[in-house]
Amino acid sequence: MATDNLADKIPDFNSSGGNQGGNGPVDISALANLRRAKGLKEIASVIALAIVVVTLLEFILIWTHTEAYVFPKPTAIIHSLFTDFSTLYWKPLTQTVQTFFMGLIIGSTIGLSLAVLVTLKPGLDIFISPYIIILVTTPMVALIPFLMLKFGFGMTPRVIAISLATGPMVMINSATGFRRTNAELIALGKSYGATEFQLFRKIRFPFALPMIIVGFMVGSIFGLLTAVGAEMVGGGMGLGNRLIYFSSLVQMSQFGAVLVIVATFGVGIYSFFTFVNRKWASWDA
């Protein structure tokens, strides 16, 4: 019996049964293809809605006499962000960003390389796929204590955890994209004597690029969550550690400010890859 590709074992949840219109096991392309805001009117509408939500929350907290140690008022969080950013939040943010990008670069490089490898050598997936499934279904934060016993209390355990969270997402989506390359184009390229490298560079990679971008986007979000969680469990002076520190002191305004920074970082990741998708893979829409 012939051995299936790793990508063939992954459901694409495509209700039509074909290969068109799906984007693999982690499909957020509908969000990535949202129409961009056109004109100042739409941008102003989004900002106005945010102001309304924040104002409404502020009045609800005042009306219910909610104490700051239970739920901080948005105005207190905003005040802390503006007045204490350089002293309380800048250094933790830079450490989290540094750790995150180191893990992302290592994990995504390995994940993309493995996707290429299992595409060129389908027989390898029988050895690789069980470990990929384990990595996808295991929260990498749980490995931090074990990694700390081996590598100490420095940045290394957190970088490894982020890499393990990022790599499988990049690999799965990239392998799915490589699998969906038009077989007729591959056959045509081979008929003209194209090498495997030329087929990848001219056909497979361009066709898989939308899925690769989705893999990087999802992997980055998983990596950010792992980075913050690893700092909460494994120390360091990043944003995750500040969450534990401020909550232990019941400084909920500062706690909320850190949450806002983490959320803004996540939105920035999404916005960046959405821009990349529109710039280099908008033809897929």
Protein backbone atom coordinates (compact mmCIF):
# COMPACT_ATOMS: atom_id res chain seq x y z
CA MET A 1 0.00 0.00 0.00
CA ALA A 2 1.39 3.35 -0.96
CA THR A 3 2.30 5.73 1.82
CA ASP A 4 0.19 8.90 1.99
CA ASN A 5 1.65 12.34 2.42
CA LEU A 6 1.47 13.95 5.84
CA ALA A 7 -0.72 16.66 4.37
CA ASP A 8 -3.13 14.02 3.03
CA LYS A 9 -3.77 12.83 6.58
CA ILE A 10 -4.89 16.24 7.73
CA PRO A 11 -8.57 17.07 7.19
CA ASP A 12 -9.21 20.24 5.23
CA PHE A 13 -12.87 20.55 6.32
CA ASN A 14 -13.81 21.49 2.78
CA SER A 15 -17.54 20.90 2.50
CA SER A 16 -17.49 20.96 -1.28
CA GLY A 17 -15.18 17.98 -1.43
CA GLY A 18 -12.76 19.62 -3.83
CA ASN A 19 -9.49 21.41 -3.38
CA GLN A 20 -10.73 24.85 -4.24
CA GLY A 21 -11.77 27.38 -1.67
CA GLY A 22 -10.34 25.67 1.42
CA ASN A 23 -7.37 26.77 3.42
CA GLY A 24 -6.35 23.75 5.39
CA PRO A 25 -6.86 22.59 8.95
CA VAL A 26 -6.44 26.04 10.49
CA ASP A 27 -8.59 28.20 8.27
CA ILE A 28 -8.85 31.88 9.22
CA SER A 29 -8.63 33.11 5.66
CA ALA A 30 -12.10 34.62 5.96
CA LEU A 31 -10.69 37.00 8.54
CA ALA A 32 -7.50 37.57 6.58
CA ASN A 33 -9.51 38.55 3.51
CA LEU A 34 -11.77 41.06 5.22
CA ARG A 35 -12.26 44.15 3.12
CA ARG A 36 -9.92 46.90 4.24
CA ALA A 37 -11.33 50.10 5.64
CA LYS A 38 -11.77 52.63 2.83
CA GLY A 39 -11.65 56.25 3.74
CA LEU A 40 -11.54 58.18 6.95
CA LYS A 41 -15.25 57.64 7.56
CA GLU A 42 -14.92 53.90 8.17
CA ILE A 43 -11.77 54.34 10.25
CA ALA A 44 -13.55 56.96 12.35
CA SER A 45 -16.49 54.58 12.80
CA VAL A 46 -14.23 51.87 14.19
CA ILE A 47 -12.57 54.32 16.59
CA ALA A 48 -15.94 55.72 17.65
CA LEU A 49 -17.25 52.22 18.42
CA ALA A 50 -14.18 51.51 20.57
CA ILE A 51 -14.73 54.78 22.48
CA VAL A 52 -18.39 53.88 23.05
CA VAL A 53 -17.49 50.42 24.41
CA VAL A 54 -14.82 51.81 26.75
CA THR A 55 -17.11 54.59 27.97
CA LEU A 56 -19.98 52.19 28.55
CA LEU A 57 -17.72 49.87 30.55
CA GLU A 58 -16.50 52.82 32.62
CA PHE A 59 -20.06 53.88 33.52
CA ILE A 60 -21.08 50.30 34.34
CA LEU A 61 -18.17 49.95 36.78
CA ILE A 62 -19.02 53.29 38.39
CA TRP A 63 -22.73 52.49 38.59
CA THR A 64 -22.11 49.06 40.16
CA HIS A 65 -19.50 50.50 42.59
CA THR A 66 -16.99 47.89 41.46
CA GLU A 67 -13.74 48.19 43.37
CA ALA A 68 -10.50 48.65 41.46
CA TYR A 69 -9.04 45.44 42.90
CA VAL A 70 -11.97 43.52 41.38
CA PHE A 71 -12.04 45.14 37.94
CA PRO A 72 -10.06 48.29 37.08
CA LYS A 73 -11.72 51.14 35.25
CA PRO A 74 -10.60 51.68 31.63
CA THR A 75 -9.53 55.23 32.48
CA ALA A 76 -7.18 53.90 35.16
CA ILE A 77 -5.66 51.43 32.71
CA ILE A 78 -5.19 54.11 30.05
CA HIS A 79 -3.67 56.46 32.63
CA SER A 80 -1.19 53.78 33.71
CA LEU A 81 -0.24 53.06 30.10
CA PHE A 82 0.54 56.70 29.38
CA THR A 83 2.27 57.58 32.65
CA ASP A 84 4.13 54.35 33.48
CA PHE A 85 4.91 52.86 30.06
CA SER A 86 8.63 53.70 30.05
CA THR A 87 9.18 52.70 33.68
CA LEU A 88 6.93 49.63 34.11
CA TYR A 89 6.16 48.18 30.70
CA TRP A 90 8.88 48.98 28.18
CA LYS A 91 11.56 46.59 29.46
CA PRO A 92 9.16 43.63 29.92
CA LEU A 93 7.77 44.28 26.45
CA THR A 94 11.23 44.25 24.84
CA GLN A 95 12.11 40.99 26.58
CA THR A 96 8.90 39.30 25.49
CA VAL A 97 9.36 40.55 21.92
CA GLN A 98 12.95 39.31 21.84
CA THR A 99 12.03 35.87 23.18
CA PHE A 100 9.03 35.62 20.88
CA PHE A 101 10.93 36.44 17.69
CA MET A 102 13.80 34.10 18.52
CA GLY A 103 11.38 31.22 19.03
CA LEU A 104 9.35 32.19 15.96
CA ILE A 105 12.37 32.28 13.67
CA ILE A 106 13.69 28.92 14.89
CA GLY A 107 10.31 27.17 14.94
CA SER A 108 9.04 28.48 11.60
CA THR A 109 12.33 27.68 9.86
CA ILE A 110 12.22 24.09 11.10
CA GLY A 111 8.50 23.78 10.33
CA LEU A 112 8.83 25.08 6.77
CA SER A 113 11.87 22.86 6.16
CA LEU A 114 9.98 19.78 7.36
CA ALA A 115 7.03 20.66 5.12
CA VAL A 116 9.36 20.76 2.12
CA LEU A 117 11.00 17.52 3.24
CA VAL A 118 7.79 15.50 3.60
CA THR A 119 6.60 16.85 0.24
CA LEU A 120 9.75 15.69 -1.51
CA LYS A 121 10.05 12.46 0.51
CA PRO A 122 6.48 11.27 1.27
CA GLY A 123 7.71 8.17 3.09
CA LEU A 124 9.10 10.29 5.93
CA ASP A 125 5.67 11.37 7.13
CA ILE A 126 5.06 8.01 8.80
CA PHE A 127 7.91 8.86 11.19
CA ILE A 128 7.21 12.57 11.58
CA SER A 129 3.41 12.79 11.78
CA PRO A 130 2.97 11.19 15.26
CA TYR A 131 5.34 13.71 16.81
CA ILE A 132 3.68 16.63 15.01
CA ILE A 133 0.29 15.54 16.35
CA ILE A 134 1.73 15.30 19.86
CA LEU A 135 3.22 18.80 19.61
CA VAL A 136 -0.02 20.28 18.30
CA THR A 137 -2.16 18.75 21.05
CA THR A 138 0.25 19.39 23.95
CA PRO A 139 0.40 22.84 25.60
CA MET A 140 4.05 23.79 25.40
CA VAL A 141 3.81 25.80 28.62
CA ALA A 142 3.57 22.46 30.45
CA LEU A 143 7.09 21.61 29.29
CA ILE A 144 8.68 24.70 30.83
CA PRO A 145 9.51 23.09 34.21
CA PHE A 146 11.26 20.19 32.47
CA LEU A 147 13.15 22.53 30.15
CA MET A 148 14.21 24.67 33.10
CA LEU A 149 15.70 21.65 34.85
CA LYS A 150 17.85 21.02 31.78
CA PHE A 151 18.66 24.52 30.51
CA GLY A 152 18.33 26.66 33.64
CA PHE A 153 16.32 29.80 34.31
CA GLY A 154 17.49 31.83 31.31
CA MET A 155 15.78 32.54 28.01
CA THR A 156 16.54 29.16 26.43
CA PRO A 157 13.58 27.17 27.89
CA ARG A 158 11.11 29.83 26.75
CA VAL A 159 12.61 30.02 23.25
CA ILE A 160 12.40 26.24 22.90
CA ALA A 161 8.76 26.22 24.04
CA ILE A 162 7.84 28.96 21.55
CA SER A 163 9.63 27.10 18.77
CA LEU A 164 7.74 23.91 19.57
CA ALA A 165 4.44 25.82 19.54
CA THR A 166 5.17 27.65 16.28
CA GLY A 167 6.84 24.99 14.14
CA PRO A 168 3.98 22.46 13.85
CA MET A 169 1.49 25.13 12.75
CA VAL A 170 3.81 26.35 10.02
CA MET A 171 4.56 22.79 8.92
CA ILE A 172 0.95 21.60 8.77
CA ASN A 173 -0.33 24.58 6.80
CA SER A 174 2.70 24.68 4.49
CA ALA A 175 2.47 20.95 3.78
CA THR A 176 -1.23 21.38 2.99
CA GLY A 177 -0.40 24.21 0.61
CA PHE A 178 2.29 22.20 -1.16
CA ARG A 179 -0.15 19.29 -1.52
CA ARG A 180 -2.74 21.49 -3.22
CA THR A 181 -0.44 22.54 -6.03
CA ASN A 182 -2.05 21.95 -9.39
CA ALA A 183 -0.89 18.48 -10.49
CA GLU A 184 -1.23 19.42 -14.17
CA LEU A 185 1.25 22.26 -13.74
CA ILE A 186 3.68 19.93 -11.99
CA ALA A 187 3.38 17.42 -14.84
CA LEU A 188 3.83 20.19 -17.38
CA GLY A 189 6.96 21.41 -15.61
CA LYS A 190 8.40 17.91 -15.52
CA SER A 191 7.68 17.46 -19.21
CA TYR A 192 9.88 20.48 -19.87
CA GLY A 193 12.67 18.99 -17.76
CA ALA A 194 12.25 21.18 -14.67
CA THR A 195 14.15 20.06 -11.59
CA GLU A 196 12.50 19.61 -8.18
CA PHE A 197 14.03 22.89 -7.05
CA GLN A 198 12.62 24.69 -10.07
CA LEU A 199 9.20 23.11 -9.51
CA PHE A 200 9.23 24.32 -5.92
CA ARG A 201 10.43 27.82 -6.78
CA LYS A 202 8.17 28.38 -9.79
CA ILE A 203 5.05 26.33 -9.00
CA ARG A 204 4.74 24.76 -5.56
CA PHE A 205 5.87 27.70 -3.43
CA PRO A 206 3.79 30.41 -5.19
CA PHE A 207 0.66 28.23 -5.04
CA ALA A 208 1.30 27.35 -1.38
CA LEU A 209 2.12 30.92 -0.33
CA PRO A 210 -1.39 31.77 0.98
CA MET A 211 -1.35 28.69 3.20
CA ILE A 212 2.22 29.39 4.32
CA ILE A 213 1.19 32.89 5.39
CA VAL A 214 -1.77 31.45 7.32
CA GLY A 215 0.62 28.99 8.98
CA PHE A 216 2.95 31.80 10.02
CA MET A 217 0.00 33.85 11.32
CA VAL A 218 -1.45 31.02 13.42
CA GLY A 219 2.00 29.90 14.54
CA SER A 220 2.86 33.44 15.62
CA ILE A 221 -0.31 33.75 17.69
CA PHE A 222 0.36 30.37 19.32
CA GLY A 223 3.94 31.51 19.90
CA LEU A 224 2.82 34.74 21.59
CA LEU A 225 0.46 32.86 23.90
CA THR A 226 3.23 30.41 24.73
CA ALA A 227 5.71 33.25 25.35
CA VAL A 228 3.41 34.96 27.84
CA GLY A 229 2.48 31.66 29.50
CA ALA A 230 6.11 30.56 29.70
CA GLU A 231 7.04 33.82 31.43
CA MET A 232 4.23 33.28 33.92
CA VAL A 233 5.53 29.78 34.69
CA GLY A 234 9.26 30.07 34.07
CA GLY A 235 10.17 33.50 35.33
CA GLY A 236 12.02 36.15 33.38
CA MET A 237 11.06 39.82 33.30
CA GLY A 238 8.65 39.70 30.36
CA LEU A 239 4.97 40.61 30.15
CA GLY A 240 3.84 37.25 31.52
CA ASN A 241 5.95 37.73 34.64
CA ARG A 242 4.47 41.21 35.09
CA LEU A 243 0.98 39.73 35.01
CA ILE A 244 1.86 37.49 37.95
CA TYR A 245 3.66 40.31 39.76
CA PHE A 246 0.89 42.91 39.49
CA SER A 247 -1.85 40.40 40.33
CA SER A 248 0.03 39.31 43.46
CA LEU A 249 0.14 42.96 44.59
CA VAL A 250 -3.50 43.50 43.58
CA GLN A 251 -2.40 46.33 41.28
CA MET A 252 -5.15 45.64 38.80
CA SER A 253 -4.75 48.83 36.77
CA GLN A 254 -1.20 47.80 35.92
CA PHE A 255 -2.41 44.24 35.36
CA GLY A 256 -5.00 45.49 32.88
CA ALA A 257 -2.38 47.65 31.15
CA VAL A 258 -0.21 44.57 30.55
CA LEU A 259 -3.21 42.73 29.11
CA VAL A 260 -3.83 45.65 26.75
CA ILE A 261 -0.19 45.54 25.61
CA VAL A 262 -0.37 41.77 24.97
CA ALA A 263 -3.64 42.16 23.06
CA THR A 264 -2.19 45.02 21.00
CA PHE A 265 0.84 42.88 20.19
CA GLY A 266 -1.46 40.08 19.02
CA VAL A 267 -3.50 42.44 16.86
CA GLY A 268 -0.26 43.75 15.38
CA ILE A 269 0.75 40.19 14.42
CA TYR A 270 -2.60 39.63 12.74
CA SER A 271 -2.46 42.98 10.92
CA PHE A 272 1.07 42.34 9.68
CA PHE A 273 0.28 38.97 8.14
CA THR A 274 -2.98 40.31 6.73
CA PHE A 275 -0.94 42.99 4.97
CA VAL A 276 1.54 40.38 3.72
CA ASN A 277 -1.35 38.25 2.47
CA ARG A 278 -2.82 41.17 0.51
CA LYS A 279 0.57 42.20 -0.82
CA TRP A 280 1.89 38.88 -2.06
CA ALA A 281 -1.01 36.41 -2.06
CA SER A 282 -4.10 38.47 -2.85
CA TRP A 283 -4.50 36.58 -6.13
CA ASP A 284 -5.79 33.61 -4.09
CA ALA A 285 -8.97 35.53 -3.27
